Amino acid sequence: MSAATLTTPSATADWSVPPAGAPGVPFLRLLHAELRKLVDTRAGRGLLIAIGAITLIGLGIVVAVGDAPTLTFWQLASGASSIQMLILPALGVLAVTGEWSQRTGMTTYTQEPRRGRVNVAKLLSAVILTLVCTVALLLMSAVAHLVAVGLDQTSVDWSVGSFDLFALVFLQLLVVVQGVAFGMLFLSTPLALVVYYILPMVWSLLAQLVSWLRDSAPWIDLNSALMPLYADEGLTGQQWAQIAVTVTIWIVVPYVVGHLLWSLPLLEQRLEPGAFRSLVHAAYLLLPNLEFGDFRTAAVHGLPIDPGRVAGAAVYELSYAAALLGAARLAFRRRDLV
């Protein structure tokens, strides 16, 4: 008999990448798994059904009470798109946060520890389903237009501008990608949805009230930058630049920060002592640690929650909010709200 040698995994090993020679999970398999998570879970399936049902109801109401100019194919499609754009961000949020609410995160990141590849698969799965919803929207709008024509409520009108069609698809994709970014940042469905729907509105209102923000609104407010897409003409180079800058602020930055919140400690360990390592450590300390106040695991499993931890989380979150309010007060103290 030969004695078997048991080895203990190293506590300092880098488990964020597969072992040398390991093939890893093929990306198409990851993408298929993320699509299945969005379709096969009750939350994802229910949301997709809700998107289809609300779109149909909205089109039905327009056909029933609308007048001839609002019953053209394009008017129906653009109206239905406005309805879907209110709900599609939730699809992007669920693509990320469903991993934690369904408690599948450990399985996912055990099979594929490279979190960046998983995140890209989640993003692409949300984009694919958004394209499916957009195609369904156009088909339902076509059927609604035919119904209106059959009821002699309008004449046949299939005219669609190429820029208008591009803008519709672009805006549909943009809202769902922003939902993914906010889901990455907060990892909580309720929190991500509340921030997604409230923060842009508050920021847009602030940009209209504060004179020095009003002039810069197209460069810092996503809603203001996207307004030219609703016009029936192309965009100038400056308008495209404004869209690029605001997309970076409201989508790229939350996505990257959400990814780095998990990766910054690992990145800090890999770096040699120096200025850049200190900068990474400072960034990790400055970014809010939302997991500090997360008690979902204890609540789900009926575990006791330490009152001291609850008090500590409350003090941390209130202190962080007070610091942000103090910084805002200093920034606006000498500004006129005119």
C-alpha atoms as a PDB file:
ATOM      1  CA  MET A   1       0.000   0.000   0.000  1.00  0.00           C
ATOM      2  CA  SER A   2       1.176   3.509  -0.711  1.00  0.00           C
ATOM      3  CA  ALA A   3       0.657   6.317   1.726  1.00  0.00           C
ATOM      4  CA  ALA A   4      -1.428   9.156   0.345  1.00  0.00           C
ATOM      5  CA  THR A   5      -0.088  12.633   0.862  1.00  0.00           C
ATOM      6  CA  LEU A   6      -2.656  15.179   1.886  1.00  0.00           C
ATOM      7  CA  THR A   7      -2.021  18.803   1.078  1.00  0.00           C
ATOM      8  CA  THR A   8      -3.635  21.802   2.682  1.00  0.00           C
ATOM      9  CA  PRO A   9      -4.628  24.672   0.386  1.00  0.00           C
ATOM     10  CA  SER A  10      -2.512  27.741   0.900  1.00  0.00           C
ATOM     11  CA  ALA A  11      -4.215  30.541   2.763  1.00  0.00           C
ATOM     12  CA  THR A  12      -2.309  33.078   0.644  1.00  0.00           C
ATOM     13  CA  ALA A  13      -3.117  31.515  -2.724  1.00  0.00           C
ATOM     14  CA  ASP A  14      -4.793  33.707  -5.316  1.00  0.00           C
ATOM     15  CA  TRP A  15      -8.188  32.068  -5.869  1.00  0.00           C
ATOM     16  CA  SER A  16      -9.436  34.793  -8.231  1.00  0.00           C
ATOM     17  CA  VAL A  17      -7.950  32.927 -11.205  1.00  0.00           C
ATOM     18  CA  PRO A  18      -8.120  29.223 -12.108  1.00  0.00           C
ATOM     19  CA  PRO A  19      -5.096  27.057 -11.308  1.00  0.00           C
ATOM     20  CA  ALA A  20      -2.403  26.842 -13.977  1.00  0.00           C
ATOM     21  CA  GLY A  21      -3.513  24.601 -16.819  1.00  0.00           C
ATOM     22  CA  ALA A  22      -7.188  24.643 -15.811  1.00  0.00           C
ATOM     23  CA  PRO A  23      -9.413  25.430 -18.820  1.00  0.00           C
ATOM     24  CA  GLY A  24     -11.969  27.450 -16.873  1.00  0.00           C
ATOM     25  CA  VAL A  25     -15.629  27.753 -17.781  1.00  0.00           C
ATOM     26  CA  PRO A  26     -16.251  28.621 -21.469  1.00  0.00           C
ATOM     27  CA  PHE A  27     -17.713  32.090 -21.801  1.00  0.00           C
ATOM     28  CA  LEU A  28     -20.679  30.924 -23.885  1.00  0.00           C
ATOM     29  CA  ARG A  29     -21.596  28.520 -21.095  1.00  0.00           C
ATOM     30  CA  LEU A  30     -21.426  31.398 -18.614  1.00  0.00           C
ATOM     31  CA  LEU A  31     -23.643  33.492 -20.866  1.00  0.00           C
ATOM     32  CA  HIS A  32     -26.140  30.652 -21.218  1.00  0.00           C
ATOM     33  CA  ALA A  33     -26.218  30.180 -17.432  1.00  0.00           C
ATOM     34  CA  GLU A  34     -26.861  33.896 -16.834  1.00  0.00           C
ATOM     35  CA  LEU A  35     -29.660  33.896 -19.403  1.00  0.00           C
ATOM     36  CA  ARG A  36     -31.209  30.896 -17.671  1.00  0.00           C
ATOM     37  CA  LYS A  37     -31.045  32.711 -14.320  1.00  0.00           C
ATOM     38  CA  LEU A  38     -32.998  35.626 -15.756  1.00  0.00           C
ATOM     39  CA  VAL A  39     -35.620  33.444 -17.414  1.00  0.00           C
ATOM     40  CA  ASP A  40     -35.973  30.466 -15.076  1.00  0.00           C
ATOM     41  CA  THR A  41     -36.225  32.265 -11.729  1.00  0.00           C
ATOM     42  CA  ARG A  42     -39.639  33.426 -10.547  1.00  0.00           C
ATOM     43  CA  ALA A  43     -38.503  37.046 -10.267  1.00  0.00           C
ATOM     44  CA  GLY A  44     -36.971  37.155 -13.738  1.00  0.00           C
ATOM     45  CA  ARG A  45     -39.819  35.287 -15.421  1.00  0.00           C
ATOM     46  CA  GLY A  46     -42.416  37.385 -13.647  1.00  0.00           C
ATOM     47  CA  LEU A  47     -40.661  40.595 -14.682  1.00  0.00           C
ATOM     48  CA  LEU A  48     -40.527  39.537 -18.338  1.00  0.00           C
ATOM     49  CA  ILE A  49     -44.207  38.612 -18.252  1.00  0.00           C
ATOM     50  CA  ALA A  50     -44.989  41.959 -16.618  1.00  0.00           C
ATOM     51  CA  ILE A  51     -43.054  43.831 -19.322  1.00  0.00           C
ATOM     52  CA  GLY A  52     -45.014  42.060 -22.061  1.00  0.00           C
ATOM     53  CA  ALA A  53     -48.374  42.437 -20.330  1.00  0.00           C
ATOM     54  CA  ILE A  54     -47.958  46.129 -19.506  1.00  0.00           C
ATOM     55  CA  THR A  55     -46.797  46.838 -23.051  1.00  0.00           C
ATOM     56  CA  LEU A  56     -49.890  45.106 -24.447  1.00  0.00           C
ATOM     57  CA  ILE A  57     -52.193  46.948 -22.049  1.00  0.00           C
ATOM     58  CA  GLY A  58     -50.617  50.278 -22.938  1.00  0.00           C
ATOM     59  CA  LEU A  59     -50.990  49.633 -26.664  1.00  0.00           C
ATOM     60  CA  GLY A  60     -54.577  48.483 -26.150  1.00  0.00           C
ATOM     61  CA  ILE A  61     -55.466  51.683 -24.307  1.00  0.00           C
ATOM     62  CA  VAL A  62     -53.929  53.841 -27.038  1.00  0.00           C
ATOM     63  CA  VAL A  63     -55.811  51.940 -29.765  1.00  0.00           C
ATOM     64  CA  ALA A  64     -59.062  52.286 -27.809  1.00  0.00           C
ATOM     65  CA  VAL A  65     -58.897  56.000 -27.038  1.00  0.00           C
ATOM     66  CA  GLY A  66     -56.215  57.447 -29.313  1.00  0.00           C
ATOM     67  CA  ASP A  67     -56.820  59.569 -32.374  1.00  0.00           C
ATOM     68  CA  ALA A  68     -55.419  58.974 -35.863  1.00  0.00           C
ATOM     69  CA  PRO A  69     -52.028  60.759 -35.463  1.00  0.00           C
ATOM     70  CA  THR A  70     -51.169  58.633 -32.419  1.00  0.00           C
ATOM     71  CA  LEU A  71     -52.036  55.332 -34.118  1.00  0.00           C
ATOM     72  CA  THR A  72     -49.274  55.213 -36.716  1.00  0.00           C
ATOM     73  CA  PHE A  73     -46.820  52.354 -36.335  1.00  0.00           C
ATOM     74  CA  TRP A  74     -44.009  54.580 -35.134  1.00  0.00           C
ATOM     75  CA  GLN A  75     -46.131  56.545 -32.658  1.00  0.00           C
ATOM     76  CA  LEU A  76     -47.335  53.275 -31.142  1.00  0.00           C
ATOM     77  CA  ALA A  77     -43.797  51.881 -30.991  1.00  0.00           C
ATOM     78  CA  SER A  78     -42.309  54.992 -29.391  1.00  0.00           C
ATOM     79  CA  GLY A  79     -45.116  55.097 -26.824  1.00  0.00           C
ATOM     80  CA  ALA A  80     -44.635  51.419 -25.993  1.00  0.00           C
ATOM     81  CA  SER A  81     -40.894  52.018 -25.698  1.00  0.00           C
ATOM     82  CA  SER A  82     -41.556  54.710 -23.081  1.00  0.00           C
ATOM     83  CA  ILE A  83     -43.501  52.132 -21.089  1.00  0.00           C
ATOM     84  CA  GLN A  84     -40.782  49.494 -21.342  1.00  0.00           C
ATOM     85  CA  MET A  85     -38.038  51.948 -20.425  1.00  0.00           C
ATOM     86  CA  LEU A  86     -39.692  52.407 -17.042  1.00  0.00           C
ATOM     87  CA  ILE A  87     -39.423  48.673 -16.293  1.00  0.00           C
ATOM     88  CA  LEU A  88     -36.341  47.471 -18.167  1.00  0.00           C
ATOM     89  CA  PRO A  89     -33.865  48.881 -15.600  1.00  0.00           C
ATOM     90  CA  ALA A  90     -35.264  46.369 -13.107  1.00  0.00           C
ATOM     91  CA  LEU A  91     -34.207  43.611 -15.533  1.00  0.00           C
ATOM     92  CA  GLY A  92     -30.653  44.934 -15.484  1.00  0.00           C
ATOM     93  CA  VAL A  93     -30.656  45.162 -11.697  1.00  0.00           C
ATOM     94  CA  LEU A  94     -31.992  41.618 -11.315  1.00  0.00           C
ATOM     95  CA  ALA A  95     -29.341  40.285 -13.692  1.00  0.00           C
ATOM     96  CA  VAL A  96     -26.793  41.153 -10.995  1.00  0.00           C
ATOM     97  CA  THR A  97     -28.602  41.194  -7.663  1.00  0.00           C
ATOM     98  CA  GLY A  98     -30.530  37.983  -8.327  1.00  0.00           C
ATOM     99  CA  GLU A  99     -27.237  36.188  -7.695  1.00  0.00           C
ATOM    100  CA  TRP A 100     -27.430  37.247  -4.055  1.00  0.00           C
ATOM    101  CA  SER A 101     -31.178  37.093  -3.405  1.00  0.00           C
ATOM    102  CA  GLN A 102     -31.310  33.558  -4.855  1.00  0.00           C
ATOM    103  CA  ARG A 103     -28.153  32.591  -2.917  1.00  0.00           C
ATOM    104  CA  THR A 104     -26.402  31.195  -6.009  1.00  0.00           C
ATOM    105  CA  GLY A 105     -23.323  33.414  -5.672  1.00  0.00           C
ATOM    106  CA  MET A 106     -21.173  30.798  -3.961  1.00  0.00           C
ATOM    107  CA  THR A 107     -21.887  28.256  -6.702  1.00  0.00           C
ATOM    108  CA  THR A 108     -21.258  30.744  -9.488  1.00  0.00           C
ATOM    109  CA  TYR A 109     -17.957  32.089  -8.181  1.00  0.00           C
ATOM    110  CA  THR A 110     -16.741  28.642  -7.162  1.00  0.00           C
ATOM    111  CA  GLN A 111     -17.203  27.404 -10.713  1.00  0.00           C
ATOM    112  CA  GLU A 112     -15.805  30.619 -12.212  1.00  0.00           C
ATOM    113  CA  PRO A 113     -13.762  32.725  -9.752  1.00  0.00           C
ATOM    114  CA  ARG A 114     -12.893  35.337 -12.383  1.00  0.00           C
ATOM    115  CA  ARG A 115     -15.598  37.795 -11.429  1.00  0.00           C
ATOM    116  CA  GLY A 116     -14.998  40.047 -14.415  1.00  0.00           C
ATOM    117  CA  ARG A 117     -16.063  37.334 -16.864  1.00  0.00           C
ATOM    118  CA  VAL A 118     -19.186  36.614 -14.837  1.00  0.00           C
ATOM    119  CA  ASN A 119     -20.076  40.303 -14.764  1.00  0.00           C
ATOM    120  CA  VAL A 120     -19.675  40.634 -18.520  1.00  0.00           C
ATOM    121  CA  ALA A 121     -21.894  37.567 -18.985  1.00  0.00           C
ATOM    122  CA  LYS A 122     -24.538  39.172 -16.759  1.00  0.00           C
ATOM    123  CA  LEU A 123     -24.336  42.397 -18.763  1.00  0.00           C
ATOM    124  CA  LEU A 124     -24.652  40.618 -22.102  1.00  0.00           C
ATOM    125  CA  SER A 125     -27.544  38.472 -20.883  1.00  0.00           C
ATOM    126  CA  ALA A 126     -29.461  41.618 -19.913  1.00  0.00           C
ATOM    127  CA  VAL A 127     -28.623  43.202 -23.284  1.00  0.00           C
ATOM    128  CA  ILE A 128     -29.819  40.111 -25.185  1.00  0.00           C
ATOM    129  CA  LEU A 129     -33.130  39.999 -23.341  1.00  0.00           C
ATOM    130  CA  THR A 130     -33.558  43.739 -23.902  1.00  0.00           C
ATOM    131  CA  LEU A 131     -33.119  43.225 -27.642  1.00  0.00           C
ATOM    132  CA  VAL A 132     -35.721  40.454 -27.479  1.00  0.00           C
ATOM    133  CA  CYS A 133     -38.099  42.797 -25.632  1.00  0.00           C
ATOM    134  CA  THR A 134     -37.452  45.494 -28.247  1.00  0.00           C
ATOM    135  CA  VAL A 135     -38.248  43.140 -31.122  1.00  0.00           C
ATOM    136  CA  ALA A 136     -41.405  42.022 -29.307  1.00  0.00           C
ATOM    137  CA  LEU A 137     -42.311  45.691 -28.794  1.00  0.00           C
ATOM    138  CA  LEU A 138     -42.027  46.402 -32.516  1.00  0.00           C
ATOM    139  CA  LEU A 139     -44.107  43.317 -33.380  1.00  0.00           C
ATOM    140  CA  MET A 140     -46.819  44.226 -30.877  1.00  0.00           C
ATOM    141  CA  SER A 141     -46.855  47.792 -32.192  1.00  0.00           C
ATOM    142  CA  ALA A 142     -47.271  46.484 -35.735  1.00  0.00           C
ATOM    143  CA  VAL A 143     -50.205  44.315 -34.661  1.00  0.00           C
ATOM    144  CA  ALA A 144     -51.771  47.246 -32.790  1.00  0.00           C
ATOM    145  CA  HIS A 145     -51.394  49.432 -35.884  1.00  0.00           C
ATOM    146  CA  LEU A 146     -53.084  46.792 -38.041  1.00  0.00           C
ATOM    147  CA  VAL A 147     -55.927  46.560 -35.532  1.00  0.00           C
ATOM    148  CA  ALA A 148     -56.360  50.339 -35.631  1.00  0.00           C
ATOM    149  CA  VAL A 149     -56.377  50.271 -39.433  1.00  0.00           C
ATOM    150  CA  GLY A 150     -58.909  47.431 -39.412  1.00  0.00           C
ATOM    151  CA  LEU A 151     -61.166  49.490 -37.133  1.00  0.00           C
ATOM    152  CA  ASP A 152     -60.885  52.455 -39.548  1.00  0.00           C
ATOM    153  CA  GLN A 153     -59.296  54.594 -36.847  1.00  0.00           C
ATOM    154  CA  THR A 154     -56.279  55.537 -38.970  1.00  0.00           C
ATOM    155  CA  SER A 155     -54.722  54.953 -42.365  1.00  0.00           C
ATOM    156  CA  VAL A 156     -51.764  52.678 -43.020  1.00  0.00           C
ATOM    157  CA  ASP A 157     -48.504  54.383 -42.035  1.00  0.00           C
ATOM    158  CA  TRP A 158     -45.338  52.304 -41.623  1.00  0.00           C
ATOM    159  CA  SER A 159     -42.900  55.211 -42.023  1.00  0.00           C
ATOM    160  CA  VAL A 160     -39.938  55.033 -39.638  1.00  0.00           C
ATOM    161  CA  GLY A 161     -36.820  57.193 -39.691  1.00  0.00           C
ATOM    162  CA  SER A 162     -33.534  55.325 -39.431  1.00  0.00           C
ATOM    163  CA  PHE A 163     -32.291  57.681 -36.714  1.00  0.00           C
ATOM    164  CA  ASP A 164     -35.544  57.291 -34.782  1.00  0.00           C
ATOM    165  CA  LEU A 165     -35.209  53.506 -34.846  1.00  0.00           C
ATOM    166  CA  PHE A 166     -31.573  53.725 -33.758  1.00  0.00           C
ATOM    167  CA  ALA A 167     -32.504  56.091 -30.904  1.00  0.00           C
ATOM    168  CA  LEU A 168     -35.246  53.754 -29.680  1.00  0.00           C
ATOM    169  CA  VAL A 169     -32.943  50.714 -29.556  1.00  0.00           C
ATOM    170  CA  PHE A 170     -30.087  52.761 -28.080  1.00  0.00           C
ATOM    171  CA  LEU A 171     -32.239  54.171 -25.281  1.00  0.00           C
ATOM    172  CA  GLN A 172     -33.711  50.742 -24.484  1.00  0.00           C
ATOM    173  CA  LEU A 173     -30.208  49.292 -24.147  1.00  0.00           C
ATOM    174  CA  LEU A 174     -28.929  52.282 -22.213  1.00  0.00           C
ATOM    175  CA  VAL A 175     -31.499  52.052 -19.411  1.00  0.00           C
ATOM    176  CA  VAL A 176     -30.941  48.336 -18.894  1.00  0.00           C
ATOM    177  CA  VAL A 177     -27.146  48.736 -18.890  1.00  0.00           C
ATOM    178  CA  GLN A 178     -27.520  51.494 -16.298  1.00  0.00           C
ATOM    179  CA  GLY A 179     -29.628  49.080 -14.251  1.00  0.00           C
ATOM    180  CA  VAL A 180     -26.807  46.530 -14.454  1.00  0.00           C
ATOM    181  CA  ALA A 181     -24.307  49.166 -13.333  1.00  0.00           C
ATOM    182  CA  PHE A 182     -26.407  50.194 -10.328  1.00  0.00           C
ATOM    183  CA  GLY A 183     -26.972  46.530  -9.462  1.00  0.00           C
ATOM    184  CA  MET A 184     -23.200  46.011  -9.568  1.00  0.00           C
ATOM    185  CA  LEU A 185     -22.671  48.963  -7.273  1.00  0.00           C
ATOM    186  CA  PHE A 186     -25.271  48.160  -4.602  1.00  0.00           C
ATOM    187  CA  LEU A 187     -25.805  44.356  -4.894  1.00  0.00           C
ATOM    188  CA  SER A 188     -29.288  44.856  -3.462  1.00  0.00           C
ATOM    189  CA  THR A 189     -32.435  44.886  -5.590  1.00  0.00           C
ATOM    190  CA  PRO A 190     -34.489  47.356  -3.502  1.00  0.00           C
ATOM    191  CA  LEU A 191     -31.576  49.727  -2.901  1.00  0.00           C
ATOM    192  CA  ALA A 192     -30.416  49.689  -6.534  1.00  0.00           C
ATOM    193  CA  LEU A 193     -33.952  50.322  -7.831  1.00  0.00           C
ATOM    194  CA  VAL A 194     -34.628  53.155  -5.375  1.00  0.00           C
ATOM    195  CA  VAL A 195     -31.347  54.871  -6.198  1.00  0.00           C
ATOM    196  CA  TYR A 196     -31.853  54.331  -9.934  1.00  0.00           C
ATOM    197  CA  TYR A 197     -35.297  55.938 -10.001  1.00  0.00           C
ATOM    198  CA  ILE A 198     -34.739  58.669  -7.399  1.00  0.00           C
ATOM    199  CA  LEU A 199     -31.168  59.899  -7.855  1.00  0.00           C
ATOM    200  CA  PRO A 200     -31.383  60.932 -11.553  1.00  0.00           C
ATOM    201  CA  MET A 201     -34.635  62.822 -10.902  1.00  0.00           C
ATOM    202  CA  VAL A 202     -33.147  64.649  -7.918  1.00  0.00           C
ATOM    203  CA  TRP A 203     -30.008  65.439  -9.889  1.00  0.00           C
ATOM    204  CA  SER A 204     -32.028  66.715 -12.886  1.00  0.00           C
ATOM    205  CA  LEU A 205     -34.088  68.931 -10.579  1.00  0.00           C
ATOM    206  CA  LEU A 206     -30.929  70.230  -8.928  1.00  0.00           C
ATOM    207  CA  ALA A 207     -29.401  70.961 -12.322  1.00  0.00           C
ATOM    208  CA  GLN A 208     -32.427  73.103 -13.189  1.00  0.00           C
ATOM    209  CA  LEU A 209     -32.430  74.998  -9.879  1.00  0.00           C
ATOM    210  CA  VAL A 210     -28.739  75.783  -9.519  1.00  0.00           C
ATOM    211  CA  SER A 211     -27.579  78.326 -12.072  1.00  0.00           C
ATOM    212  CA  TRP A 212     -23.977  77.128 -12.348  1.00  0.00           C
ATOM    213  CA  LEU A 213     -25.172  73.526 -12.761  1.00  0.00           C
ATOM    214  CA  ARG A 214     -27.818  74.461 -15.315  1.00  0.00           C
ATOM    215  CA  ASP A 215     -25.227  75.552 -17.865  1.00  0.00           C
ATOM    216  CA  SER A 216     -23.266  72.336 -17.389  1.00  0.00           C
ATOM    217  CA  ALA A 217     -26.305  70.020 -17.210  1.00  0.00           C
ATOM    218  CA  PRO A 218     -25.775  68.364 -20.644  1.00  0.00           C
ATOM    219  CA  TRP A 219     -22.289  67.349 -19.490  1.00  0.00           C
ATOM    220  CA  ILE A 220     -23.237  65.936 -16.076  1.00  0.00           C
ATOM    221  CA  ASP A 221     -26.945  65.023 -16.287  1.00  0.00           C
ATOM    222  CA  LEU A 222     -27.773  61.939 -18.340  1.00  0.00           C
ATOM    223  CA  ASN A 223     -31.402  62.926 -18.953  1.00  0.00           C
ATOM    224  CA  SER A 224     -30.371  66.330 -20.305  1.00  0.00           C
ATOM    225  CA  ALA A 225     -27.712  64.798 -22.528  1.00  0.00           C
ATOM    226  CA  LEU A 226     -30.178  62.288 -24.004  1.00  0.00           C
ATOM    227  CA  MET A 227     -32.875  64.838 -24.852  1.00  0.00           C
ATOM    228  CA  PRO A 228     -31.571  65.425 -28.424  1.00  0.00           C
ATOM    229  CA  LEU A 229     -32.185  61.734 -29.174  1.00  0.00           C
ATOM    230  CA  TYR A 230     -35.917  62.401 -28.946  1.00  0.00           C
ATOM    231  CA  ALA A 231     -35.719  64.950 -31.773  1.00  0.00           C
ATOM    232  CA  ASP A 232     -36.248  63.925 -35.390  1.00  0.00           C
ATOM    233  CA  GLU A 233     -32.762  64.916 -36.492  1.00  0.00           C
ATOM    234  CA  GLY A 234     -29.195  63.783 -36.031  1.00  0.00           C
ATOM    235  CA  LEU A 235     -26.838  64.824 -33.263  1.00  0.00           C
ATOM    236  CA  THR A 236     -23.871  67.144 -33.462  1.00  0.00           C
ATOM    237  CA  GLY A 237     -20.402  66.119 -32.403  1.00  0.00           C
ATOM    238  CA  GLN A 238     -20.754  68.085 -29.177  1.00  0.00           C
ATOM    239  CA  GLN A 239     -24.020  66.341 -28.329  1.00  0.00           C
ATOM    240  CA  TRP A 240     -22.407  62.935 -28.866  1.00  0.00           C
ATOM    241  CA  ALA A 241     -19.543  64.024 -26.614  1.00  0.00           C
ATOM    242  CA  GLN A 242     -22.037  65.056 -23.927  1.00  0.00           C
ATOM    243  CA  ILE A 243     -23.721  61.650 -24.140  1.00  0.00           C
ATOM    244  CA  ALA A 244     -20.331  59.930 -23.862  1.00  0.00           C
ATOM    245  CA  VAL A 245     -19.370  61.955 -20.785  1.00  0.00           C
ATOM    246  CA  THR A 246     -22.689  61.452 -18.974  1.00  0.00           C
ATOM    247  CA  VAL A 247     -22.748  57.738 -19.822  1.00  0.00           C
ATOM    248  CA  THR A 248     -19.292  57.493 -18.299  1.00  0.00           C
ATOM    249  CA  ILE A 249     -20.480  59.250 -15.128  1.00  0.00           C
ATOM    250  CA  TRP A 250     -23.782  57.400 -14.680  1.00  0.00           C
ATOM    251  CA  ILE A 251     -23.015  53.958 -16.141  1.00  0.00           C
ATOM    252  CA  VAL A 252     -19.307  53.230 -16.603  1.00  0.00           C
ATOM    253  CA  VAL A 253     -18.202  54.600 -13.222  1.00  0.00           C
ATOM    254  CA  PRO A 254     -20.870  52.720 -11.158  1.00  0.00           C
ATOM    255  CA  TYR A 255     -20.080  49.510 -13.074  1.00  0.00           C
ATOM    256  CA  VAL A 256     -16.327  49.806 -12.537  1.00  0.00           C
ATOM    257  CA  VAL A 257     -16.689  50.856  -8.897  1.00  0.00           C
ATOM    258  CA  GLY A 258     -19.088  47.970  -8.264  1.00  0.00           C
ATOM    259  CA  HIS A 259     -16.534  45.569  -9.707  1.00  0.00           C
ATOM    260  CA  LEU A 260     -13.593  47.091  -7.842  1.00  0.00           C
ATOM    261  CA  LEU A 261     -15.384  47.115  -4.494  1.00  0.00           C
ATOM    262  CA  TRP A 262     -14.788  43.369  -4.457  1.00  0.00           C
ATOM    263  CA  SER A 263     -11.414  43.503  -6.197  1.00  0.00           C
ATOM    264  CA  LEU A 264      -9.664  46.416  -4.494  1.00  0.00           C
ATOM    265  CA  PRO A 265      -8.460  44.384  -1.469  1.00  0.00           C
ATOM    266  CA  LEU A 266      -7.066  41.720  -3.820  1.00  0.00           C
ATOM    267  CA  LEU A 267      -5.464  44.389  -6.022  1.00  0.00           C
ATOM    268  CA  GLU A 268      -3.899  45.976  -2.946  1.00  0.00           C
ATOM    269  CA  GLN A 269      -2.364  42.624  -1.952  1.00  0.00           C
ATOM    270  CA  ARG A 270      -0.818  42.193  -5.398  1.00  0.00           C
ATOM    271  CA  LEU A 271       0.775  45.652  -5.524  1.00  0.00           C
ATOM    272  CA  GLU A 272       4.197  46.453  -4.171  1.00  0.00           C
ATOM    273  CA  PRO A 273       4.278  48.954  -1.280  1.00  0.00           C
ATOM    274  CA  GLY A 274       4.205  52.442  -2.676  1.00  0.00           C
ATOM    275  CA  ALA A 275       2.074  55.414  -3.637  1.00  0.00           C
ATOM    276  CA  PHE A 276      -0.270  53.501  -5.936  1.00  0.00           C
ATOM    277  CA  ARG A 277      -0.973  50.845  -3.315  1.00  0.00           C
ATOM    278  CA  SER A 278      -1.739  53.593  -0.792  1.00  0.00           C
ATOM    279  CA  LEU A 279      -4.077  55.198  -3.341  1.00  0.00           C
ATOM    280  CA  VAL A 280      -5.928  51.907  -3.849  1.00  0.00           C
ATOM    281  CA  HIS A 281      -6.255  51.463  -0.074  1.00  0.00           C
ATOM    282  CA  ALA A 282      -7.578  55.022   0.292  1.00  0.00           C
ATOM    283  CA  ALA A 283     -10.131  54.436  -2.471  1.00  0.00           C
ATOM    284  CA  TYR A 284     -11.331  51.288  -0.713  1.00  0.00           C
ATOM    285  CA  LEU A 285     -11.747  53.194   2.550  1.00  0.00           C
ATOM    286  CA  LEU A 286     -13.537  56.140   0.912  1.00  0.00           C
ATOM    287  CA  LEU A 287     -16.087  54.050  -0.986  1.00  0.00           C
ATOM    288  CA  PRO A 288     -19.151  53.113   1.099  1.00  0.00           C
ATOM    289  CA  ASN A 289     -19.111  49.582   2.494  1.00  0.00           C
ATOM    290  CA  LEU A 290     -22.758  48.638   1.968  1.00  0.00           C
ATOM    291  CA  GLU A 291     -22.160  45.055   3.078  1.00  0.00           C
ATOM    292  CA  PHE A 292     -21.472  46.344   6.589  1.00  0.00           C
ATOM    293  CA  GLY A 293     -25.209  46.822   7.124  1.00  0.00           C
ATOM    294  CA  ASP A 294     -26.363  43.713   5.254  1.00  0.00           C
ATOM    295  CA  PHE A 295     -28.200  41.309   7.576  1.00  0.00           C
ATOM    296  CA  ARG A 296     -30.030  39.303   4.917  1.00  0.00           C
ATOM    297  CA  THR A 297     -28.183  36.050   5.568  1.00  0.00           C
ATOM    298  CA  ALA A 298     -29.026  36.106   9.264  1.00  0.00           C
ATOM    299  CA  ALA A 299     -32.652  37.018   8.541  1.00  0.00           C
ATOM    300  CA  VAL A 300     -33.096  34.271   5.929  1.00  0.00           C
ATOM    301  CA  HIS A 301     -31.591  31.541   8.102  1.00  0.00           C
ATOM    302  CA  GLY A 302     -33.150  32.724  11.359  1.00  0.00           C
ATOM    303  CA  LEU A 303     -29.791  33.468  12.971  1.00  0.00           C
ATOM    304  CA  PRO A 304     -29.469  35.928  15.864  1.00  0.00           C
ATOM    305  CA  ILE A 305     -28.339  39.415  14.866  1.00  0.00           C
ATOM    306  CA  ASP A 306     -25.756  41.043  17.099  1.00  0.00           C
ATOM    307  CA  PRO A 307     -27.172  44.356  18.421  1.00  0.00           C
ATOM    308  CA  GLY A 308     -23.647  45.735  18.552  1.00  0.00           C
ATOM    309  CA  ARG A 309     -23.229  45.123  14.844  1.00  0.00           C
ATOM    310  CA  VAL A 310     -26.560  46.812  14.117  1.00  0.00           C
ATOM    311  CA  ALA A 311     -25.514  49.836  16.182  1.00  0.00           C
ATOM    312  CA  GLY A 312     -22.132  49.931  14.470  1.00  0.00           C
ATOM    313  CA  ALA A 313     -23.730  49.762  11.025  1.00  0.00           C
ATOM    314  CA  ALA A 314     -26.153  52.552  11.929  1.00  0.00           C
ATOM    315  CA  VAL A 315     -23.318  54.770  13.209  1.00  0.00           C
ATOM    316  CA  TYR A 316     -21.223  54.048  10.096  1.00  0.00           C
ATOM    317  CA  GLU A 317     -24.034  54.782   7.627  1.00  0.00           C
ATOM    318  CA  LEU A 318     -25.215  57.916   9.447  1.00  0.00           C
ATOM    319  CA  SER A 319     -21.644  59.179   9.664  1.00  0.00           C
ATOM    320  CA  TYR A 320     -21.077  58.549   5.969  1.00  0.00           C
ATOM    321  CA  ALA A 321     -24.320  60.347   5.074  1.00  0.00           C
ATOM    322  CA  ALA A 322     -23.388  63.254   7.373  1.00  0.00           C
ATOM    323  CA  ALA A 323     -19.978  63.508   5.705  1.00  0.00           C
ATOM    324  CA  LEU A 324     -21.575  63.644   2.253  1.00  0.00           C
ATOM    325  CA  LEU A 325     -24.077  66.279   3.402  1.00  0.00           C
ATOM    326  CA  GLY A 326     -21.254  68.303   4.936  1.00  0.00           C
ATOM    327  CA  ALA A 327     -19.306  68.168   1.687  1.00  0.00           C
ATOM    328  CA  ALA A 328     -22.420  69.215  -0.239  1.00  0.00           C
ATOM    329  CA  ARG A 329     -22.998  72.105   2.140  1.00  0.00           C
ATOM    330  CA  LEU A 330     -19.454  73.335   1.610  1.00  0.00           C
ATOM    331  CA  ALA A 331     -19.866  73.025  -2.155  1.00  0.00           C
ATOM    332  CA  PHE A 332     -23.157  74.942  -2.296  1.00  0.00           C
ATOM    333  CA  ARG A 333     -22.601  77.440   0.504  1.00  0.00           C
ATOM    334  CA  ARG A 334     -21.528  80.223  -1.816  1.00  0.00           C
ATOM    335  CA  ARG A 335     -23.733  79.290  -4.762  1.00  0.00           C
ATOM    336  CA  ASP A 336     -26.989  81.003  -5.624  1.00  0.00           C
ATOM    337  CA  LEU A 337     -30.052  78.857  -6.355  1.00  0.00           C
ATOM    338  CA  VAL A 338     -31.280  81.008  -9.223  1.00  0.00           C
END
